[in-house]
Amino acid sequence: MIILFGENFELENIDFVKRSIPMNRQIMVRLLFFALLCLTIFHGSCTKEPFERNAGQSMQIAVIPKGTSNIFWQTVHAGALTAGKEFGVEILWSGPAVETNKEQQVSIVEDFIVRAVDGIVLAPQDAEAMVPSVERIAAANIPLVIMDSGINSDHYVSFAATDNYRGGVEGAREMARRLEQKGQVIIIGNDPGGASTNEREKGFRDTLEKEFPDIQLIGFEYHYNDRGKARAIMDDLLVRNPDTDGVFCSSESSSLGALLALQASKTTDRLVFIAFDSSPELVKALENGEIHAIINQDPFRIGYEGVKTLVRHLRGEAVEQKVDTGVFVVTKENMNEPEIEILLNPNLDSL
């Protein structure tokens, strides 16, 4: 039976139609029925029902980070796996080795679309460049949660991330506190396409302008997630601006590059250094007094909340449009407090 113009039309009635109309119109009618049958079959094959699985078969959630090589993303991975185990879903983790390979991230997204996973958690490398990929995820009817860094699209269920603007604000306030609200500072930024680091840099600049007019921003350069480039930028800025009083780095890689430059030139005691995101090298430098503060995220929670939020949505539960995973000012004075220590030394046993 085919439903045609709101009526139930039995296929056995075709003979009646054939007897009632000329031969050329019979051919047209047959073609019409054939086309309707094809359309019905095609529609059925394209309608995605991702949650109907055989007994014992779990949902598949793809988690796509910006990169996979540094400890931040390894910690995000651990959080995602923990949520997957807790909620009984399979986590498919795949991302570029480095955070600058946008083409590879696009390719990974396309692969998971073809595999028809039940949902995707994505940390976009670029807020604009990844929009076509996000649109294709939406067209494939695959629910999407964005994590860590924003996207210039509204085709997602929820956004699990640090309030990065606030991270920049806190960095500026800590810098001002240590400089007694006057001096000259520089910023080593990450990448003009990265929404998360852009927000940190903007928060830092805005706060200096609004709250601390006697602190002057005298230099700002992007290092494009290249630690060696960050080191070279730090060296160059110190030569060109020998009276620099402080440096703010908006990412782990820029912080590490700047640290290497200061250590090599034996000038770690020369200026106030505010880093962003932790690693074993940065934590050691904080303990040694070479770094004055680290603005820290909770990457474990970013991965955990990304998966948790998506699973709740897949199960038909209401979810928040934005999940704030927290921002923390870590100093030598508070680094051994339990809630801070776990951020600096995350448990990666699940990897």
Protein backbone atom coordinates (compact mmCIF):
# COMPACT_ATOMS: atom_id res chain seq x y z
CA MET A 1 0.00 0.00 0.00
CA ILE A 2 1.20 3.54 -0.86
CA ILE A 3 -0.14 6.71 0.68
CA LEU A 4 -0.86 9.09 -2.20
CA PHE A 5 -2.25 12.59 -1.58
CA GLY A 6 -3.48 11.52 1.85
CA GLU A 7 -5.31 8.40 0.54
CA ASN A 8 -4.41 4.72 0.93
CA PHE A 9 -3.82 3.38 -2.57
CA GLU A 10 -3.64 -0.41 -2.94
CA LEU A 11 -1.24 -1.74 -5.56
CA GLU A 12 -3.79 -4.32 -6.68
CA ASN A 13 -5.96 -1.47 -7.95
CA ILE A 14 -3.45 -0.86 -10.76
CA ASP A 15 -5.37 -3.23 -13.08
CA PHE A 16 -8.50 -1.13 -12.65
CA VAL A 17 -6.54 1.99 -13.54
CA LYS A 18 -5.04 0.27 -16.59
CA ARG A 19 -8.49 -0.65 -17.94
CA SER A 20 -9.78 2.88 -17.44
CA ILE A 21 -7.13 4.91 -19.29
CA PRO A 22 -5.33 4.81 -22.65
CA MET A 23 -2.06 2.90 -23.10
CA ASN A 24 0.26 5.94 -23.01
CA ARG A 25 -1.32 7.07 -19.78
CA GLN A 26 -0.96 3.52 -18.40
CA ILE A 27 2.78 3.87 -18.91
CA MET A 28 2.75 7.19 -17.10
CA VAL A 29 0.84 5.70 -14.18
CA ARG A 30 3.30 2.82 -13.92
CA LEU A 31 6.18 5.26 -13.91
CA LEU A 32 4.44 7.28 -11.21
CA PHE A 33 4.02 4.23 -8.98
CA PHE A 34 7.64 3.21 -9.58
CA ALA A 35 8.85 6.69 -8.63
CA LEU A 36 6.76 6.69 -5.46
CA LEU A 37 8.12 3.29 -4.46
CA CYS A 38 11.70 4.48 -4.99
CA LEU A 39 11.04 7.62 -2.98
CA THR A 40 9.60 5.59 -0.11
CA ILE A 41 12.60 3.25 -0.07
CA PHE A 42 15.08 6.13 -0.31
CA HIS A 43 13.42 8.03 2.52
CA GLY A 44 13.50 4.98 4.73
CA SER A 45 17.18 4.37 4.07
CA CYS A 46 18.15 7.99 4.84
CA THR A 47 16.19 8.42 8.06
CA LYS A 48 18.79 8.13 10.83
CA GLU A 49 17.72 6.31 13.96
CA PRO A 50 21.01 6.21 15.87
CA PHE A 51 19.69 4.96 19.18
CA GLU A 52 18.08 1.66 18.08
CA ARG A 53 20.78 -0.90 18.77
CA ASN A 54 20.94 -4.60 19.29
CA ALA A 55 21.01 -5.87 22.84
CA GLY A 56 24.40 -5.28 24.42
CA GLN A 57 25.51 -2.79 21.75
CA SER A 58 26.33 0.62 23.24
CA MET A 59 26.04 4.06 21.72
CA GLN A 60 29.12 5.33 19.92
CA ILE A 61 30.26 8.85 20.80
CA ALA A 62 33.05 10.40 18.73
CA VAL A 63 35.26 12.86 20.63
CA ILE A 64 37.41 15.07 18.40
CA PRO A 65 39.97 17.31 20.16
CA LYS A 66 42.00 20.12 18.62
CA GLY A 67 45.14 18.04 19.10
CA THR A 68 46.38 14.95 20.90
CA SER A 69 50.03 15.55 21.75
CA ASN A 70 49.95 17.68 24.90
CA ILE A 71 48.85 16.89 28.42
CA PHE A 72 45.80 19.16 28.23
CA TRP A 73 44.17 17.01 25.55
CA GLN A 74 45.31 13.81 27.22
CA THR A 75 43.47 14.98 30.32
CA VAL A 76 40.37 15.83 28.25
CA HIS A 77 40.61 12.28 26.85
CA ALA A 78 40.71 10.82 30.37
CA GLY A 79 37.60 12.78 31.32
CA ALA A 80 35.75 11.63 28.21
CA LEU A 81 36.65 7.98 28.86
CA THR A 82 35.52 8.27 32.48
CA ALA A 83 32.14 9.63 31.39
CA GLY A 84 31.87 6.93 28.72
CA LYS A 85 32.42 4.21 31.29
CA GLU A 86 30.01 5.82 33.75
CA PHE A 87 27.19 6.18 31.21
CA GLY A 88 27.80 2.96 29.29
CA VAL A 89 28.78 4.41 25.91
CA GLU A 90 31.71 3.69 23.61
CA ILE A 91 34.14 6.60 23.19
CA LEU A 92 35.82 6.93 19.79
CA TRP A 93 38.72 9.35 20.32
CA SER A 94 40.48 10.80 17.29
CA GLY A 95 42.18 14.12 16.62
CA PRO A 96 45.10 15.76 14.83
CA ALA A 97 48.53 15.36 16.38
CA VAL A 98 48.96 19.14 16.41
CA GLU A 99 46.44 21.94 16.86
CA THR A 100 47.30 23.65 13.57
CA ASN A 101 46.26 20.85 11.20
CA LYS A 102 42.77 22.06 10.31
CA GLU A 103 42.54 19.83 7.22
CA GLN A 104 43.07 16.72 9.32
CA GLN A 105 40.38 17.74 11.80
CA VAL A 106 37.95 18.27 8.91
CA SER A 107 38.83 14.81 7.56
CA ILE A 108 38.24 13.21 10.97
CA VAL A 109 34.82 14.85 11.23
CA GLU A 110 33.89 13.60 7.75
CA ASP A 111 34.95 10.06 8.68
CA PHE A 112 32.70 10.00 11.74
CA ILE A 113 29.79 11.36 9.70
CA VAL A 114 30.21 8.48 7.23
CA ARG A 115 30.40 6.02 10.13
CA ALA A 116 27.06 7.40 11.39
CA VAL A 117 28.10 7.66 15.03
CA ASP A 118 25.37 8.45 17.53
CA GLY A 119 26.87 11.78 18.55
CA ILE A 120 29.98 13.95 18.29
CA VAL A 121 31.86 16.06 20.84
CA LEU A 122 34.09 18.52 18.98
CA ALA A 123 36.73 21.07 19.98
CA PRO A 124 36.97 23.22 16.83
CA GLN A 125 40.48 24.32 15.89
CA ASP A 126 39.07 27.38 14.16
CA ALA A 127 35.76 29.09 14.94
CA GLU A 128 35.10 29.95 11.30
CA ALA A 129 36.97 27.32 9.29
CA MET A 130 35.13 24.45 11.01
CA VAL A 131 31.65 25.86 10.34
CA PRO A 132 31.13 23.82 7.12
CA SER A 133 31.99 20.64 9.04
CA VAL A 134 29.51 21.53 11.78
CA GLU A 135 26.85 22.19 9.14
CA ARG A 136 27.48 18.74 7.64
CA ILE A 137 27.15 17.14 11.07
CA ALA A 138 23.77 18.87 11.43
CA ALA A 139 22.71 17.79 7.93
CA ALA A 140 23.51 14.19 8.88
CA ASN A 141 21.21 14.54 11.91
CA ILE A 142 24.04 13.75 14.34
CA PRO A 143 23.76 15.56 17.70
CA LEU A 144 26.81 17.71 18.46
CA VAL A 145 28.32 19.12 21.64
CA ILE A 146 31.07 21.72 21.29
CA MET A 147 33.83 21.65 23.90
CA ASP A 148 36.71 23.92 24.89
CA SER A 149 36.53 26.42 22.02
CA GLY A 150 33.55 28.08 20.34
CA ILE A 151 32.18 27.88 16.80
CA ASN A 152 30.45 30.51 14.66
CA SER A 153 27.33 28.39 14.28
CA ASP A 154 24.29 27.53 16.38
CA HIS A 155 24.03 23.92 15.16
CA TYR A 156 24.99 22.28 18.44
CA VAL A 157 23.27 20.99 21.56
CA SER A 158 25.54 22.46 24.22
CA PHE A 159 28.93 24.09 24.78
CA ALA A 160 31.16 22.70 27.57
CA ALA A 161 34.12 24.97 28.23
CA THR A 162 36.08 27.28 30.46
CA ASP A 163 34.88 30.87 30.63
CA ASN A 164 37.98 31.91 28.70
CA TYR A 165 37.22 35.63 28.83
CA ARG A 166 37.14 35.39 32.61
CA GLY A 167 40.46 33.53 32.46
CA GLY A 168 41.98 36.55 30.74
CA VAL A 169 40.37 38.88 33.29
CA GLU A 170 41.85 36.89 36.17
CA GLY A 171 45.25 36.88 34.46
CA ALA A 172 45.20 40.67 34.15
CA ARG A 173 44.16 41.14 37.76
CA GLU A 174 46.91 38.84 39.00
CA MET A 175 49.43 40.69 36.84
CA ALA A 176 48.23 44.04 38.21
CA ARG A 177 48.39 42.80 41.79
CA ARG A 178 52.00 41.75 41.40
CA LEU A 179 53.01 44.90 39.48
CA GLU A 180 51.21 47.13 41.99
CA GLN A 181 49.01 48.37 39.13
CA LYS A 182 51.68 49.99 36.97
CA GLY A 183 54.19 48.88 34.35
CA GLN A 184 54.62 47.62 30.80
CA VAL A 185 53.50 44.17 29.67
CA ILE A 186 53.45 41.97 26.58
CA ILE A 187 51.15 39.18 25.36
CA ILE A 188 52.17 36.08 23.44
CA GLY A 189 48.93 35.00 21.78
CA ASN A 190 48.04 31.69 20.23
CA ASP A 191 46.21 31.82 16.88
CA PRO A 192 43.81 34.46 15.49
CA GLY A 193 41.37 31.69 14.55
CA GLY A 194 41.22 30.08 17.99
CA ALA A 195 38.08 31.23 19.81
CA SER A 196 39.19 30.12 23.28
CA THR A 197 42.59 31.84 23.27
CA ASN A 198 41.14 34.90 21.55
CA GLU A 199 38.74 35.28 24.47
CA ARG A 200 41.59 35.01 26.98
CA GLU A 201 43.60 37.65 25.19
CA LYS A 202 40.58 39.93 24.90
CA GLY A 203 39.74 39.50 28.58
CA PHE A 204 43.30 40.41 29.53
CA ARG A 205 43.41 43.50 27.28
CA ASP A 206 39.95 44.74 28.25
CA THR A 207 40.71 44.43 31.96
CA LEU A 208 43.96 46.35 31.71
CA GLU A 209 42.17 49.11 29.82
CA LYS A 210 39.17 49.33 32.15
CA GLU A 211 40.70 48.64 35.56
CA PHE A 212 44.43 49.34 35.34
CA PRO A 213 45.14 52.32 33.05
CA ASP A 214 48.71 52.64 34.38
CA ILE A 215 49.65 49.24 32.94
CA GLN A 216 50.59 49.65 29.29
CA LEU A 217 50.38 46.84 26.71
CA ILE A 218 53.52 47.34 24.59
CA GLY A 219 53.66 44.12 22.55
CA PHE A 220 51.38 41.38 21.19
CA GLU A 221 52.33 38.57 18.80
CA TYR A 222 50.82 35.20 17.82
CA HIS A 223 52.96 32.07 17.97
CA TYR A 224 50.54 29.75 16.09
CA ASN A 225 50.88 26.92 18.60
CA ASP A 226 54.60 26.60 17.84
CA ARG A 227 56.69 26.43 21.00
CA GLY A 228 59.88 27.33 19.14
CA LYS A 229 58.21 30.39 17.64
CA ALA A 230 56.97 31.45 21.08
CA ARG A 231 60.53 31.23 22.38
CA ALA A 232 61.80 33.36 19.49
CA ILE A 233 59.03 35.92 20.06
CA MET A 234 59.91 36.16 23.75
CA ASP A 235 63.59 36.68 22.92
CA ASP A 236 62.76 39.35 20.36
CA LEU A 237 60.27 41.21 22.56
CA LEU A 238 62.77 41.39 25.40
CA VAL A 239 65.42 42.82 23.07
CA ARG A 240 63.04 45.38 21.59
CA ASN A 241 61.41 46.18 24.92
CA PRO A 242 64.10 45.85 27.62
CA ASP A 243 61.90 47.64 30.15
CA THR A 244 59.14 45.02 29.97
CA ASP A 245 57.70 44.32 33.43
CA GLY A 246 55.43 41.37 32.68
CA VAL A 247 54.34 38.76 30.13
CA PHE A 248 50.98 37.03 29.73
CA CYS A 249 50.83 33.84 27.66
CA SER A 250 47.42 32.59 26.55
CA SER A 251 48.19 28.87 26.10
CA GLU A 252 50.38 26.02 27.29
CA SER A 253 52.64 26.10 24.23
CA SER A 254 53.22 29.86 24.38
CA SER A 255 53.90 29.59 28.12
CA LEU A 256 56.46 26.84 27.57
CA GLY A 257 58.20 28.74 24.77
CA ALA A 258 58.41 31.92 26.84
CA LEU A 259 59.72 29.96 29.82
CA LEU A 260 62.50 28.42 27.72
CA ALA A 261 63.55 31.87 26.50
CA LEU A 262 63.65 33.32 30.01
CA GLN A 263 65.54 30.33 31.39
CA ALA A 264 68.11 30.45 28.57
CA SER A 265 68.71 34.17 29.12
CA LYS A 266 68.66 33.75 32.92
CA THR A 267 66.03 36.47 33.23
CA THR A 268 63.20 34.58 34.95
CA ASP A 269 63.51 36.96 37.92
CA ARG A 270 63.31 40.03 35.70
CA LEU A 271 59.55 40.20 35.08
CA VAL A 272 56.16 38.92 36.23
CA PHE A 273 55.16 35.83 34.26
CA ILE A 274 51.49 34.77 34.07
CA ALA A 275 51.02 31.48 32.19
CA PHE A 276 47.89 29.71 30.98
CA ASP A 277 47.31 25.94 31.33
CA SER A 278 49.61 23.59 33.19
CA SER A 279 52.17 20.96 32.27
CA PRO A 280 54.87 19.27 34.38
CA GLU A 281 57.45 21.83 33.17
CA LEU A 282 55.21 24.79 34.01
CA VAL A 283 54.26 23.39 37.41
CA LYS A 284 57.94 22.94 38.27
CA ALA A 285 58.63 26.52 37.17
CA LEU A 286 55.76 27.74 39.35
CA GLU A 287 57.20 25.89 42.32
CA ASN A 288 60.66 27.36 41.62
CA GLY A 289 59.31 30.91 41.36
CA GLU A 290 60.09 31.25 37.64
CA ILE A 291 56.37 31.59 36.92
CA HIS A 292 54.24 33.72 39.24
CA ALA A 293 50.80 32.30 38.42
CA ILE A 294 49.12 29.82 36.08
CA ILE A 295 45.55 30.46 34.96
CA ASN A 296 44.27 26.91 34.91
CA GLN A 297 41.33 25.16 33.35
CA ASP A 298 39.83 21.80 34.32
CA PRO A 299 40.43 19.74 31.15
CA PHE A 300 39.26 16.52 32.79
CA ARG A 301 35.89 18.11 33.46
CA ILE A 302 35.73 19.54 29.92
CA GLY A 303 35.97 16.02 28.46
CA TYR A 304 33.69 14.54 31.10
CA GLU A 305 30.96 17.18 30.77
CA GLY A 306 31.11 17.08 26.97
CA VAL A 307 30.29 13.38 26.89
CA LYS A 308 27.88 13.51 29.83
CA THR A 309 25.87 16.34 28.27
CA LEU A 310 25.65 14.59 24.90
CA VAL A 311 24.52 11.30 26.44
CA ARG A 312 21.82 13.06 28.45
CA HIS A 313 20.59 14.73 25.27
CA LEU A 314 20.59 11.42 23.40
CA ARG A 315 18.46 9.95 26.19
CA GLY A 316 15.91 12.71 25.80
CA GLU A 317 16.87 14.74 28.86
CA ALA A 318 17.03 18.53 28.95
CA VAL A 319 20.57 19.95 29.01
CA GLU A 320 22.12 23.35 29.61
CA GLN A 321 23.16 25.29 26.52
CA LYS A 322 26.43 26.28 28.23
CA VAL A 323 28.37 24.26 30.80
CA ASP A 324 31.02 26.34 32.60
CA THR A 325 33.85 24.03 33.66
CA GLY A 326 35.66 26.58 35.85
CA VAL A 327 38.79 28.74 35.86
CA PHE A 328 41.45 28.81 38.59
CA VAL A 329 44.32 31.13 39.53
CA VAL A 330 47.13 28.83 40.67
CA THR A 331 50.06 30.25 42.63
CA LYS A 332 52.94 28.84 44.64
CA GLU A 333 50.90 29.58 47.75
CA ASN A 334 47.83 27.48 46.80
CA MET A 335 49.28 24.84 44.46
CA ASN A 336 49.29 22.12 47.14
CA GLU A 337 45.63 22.52 48.08
CA PRO A 338 43.76 19.30 47.16
CA GLU A 339 41.36 20.89 44.66
CA ILE A 340 44.27 22.62 42.90
CA GLU A 341 46.75 19.76 43.09
CA ILE A 342 44.44 17.46 41.13
CA LEU A 343 44.34 20.04 38.32
CA LEU A 344 48.13 20.19 38.19
CA ASN A 345 48.62 16.43 38.44
CA PRO A 346 45.59 14.83 36.74
CA ASN A 347 44.90 11.11 36.97
CA LEU A 348 45.46 9.65 33.50
CA ASP A 349 45.16 5.98 34.48
CA SER A 350 42.12 5.52 32.22
CA LEU A 351 44.18 6.18 29.06
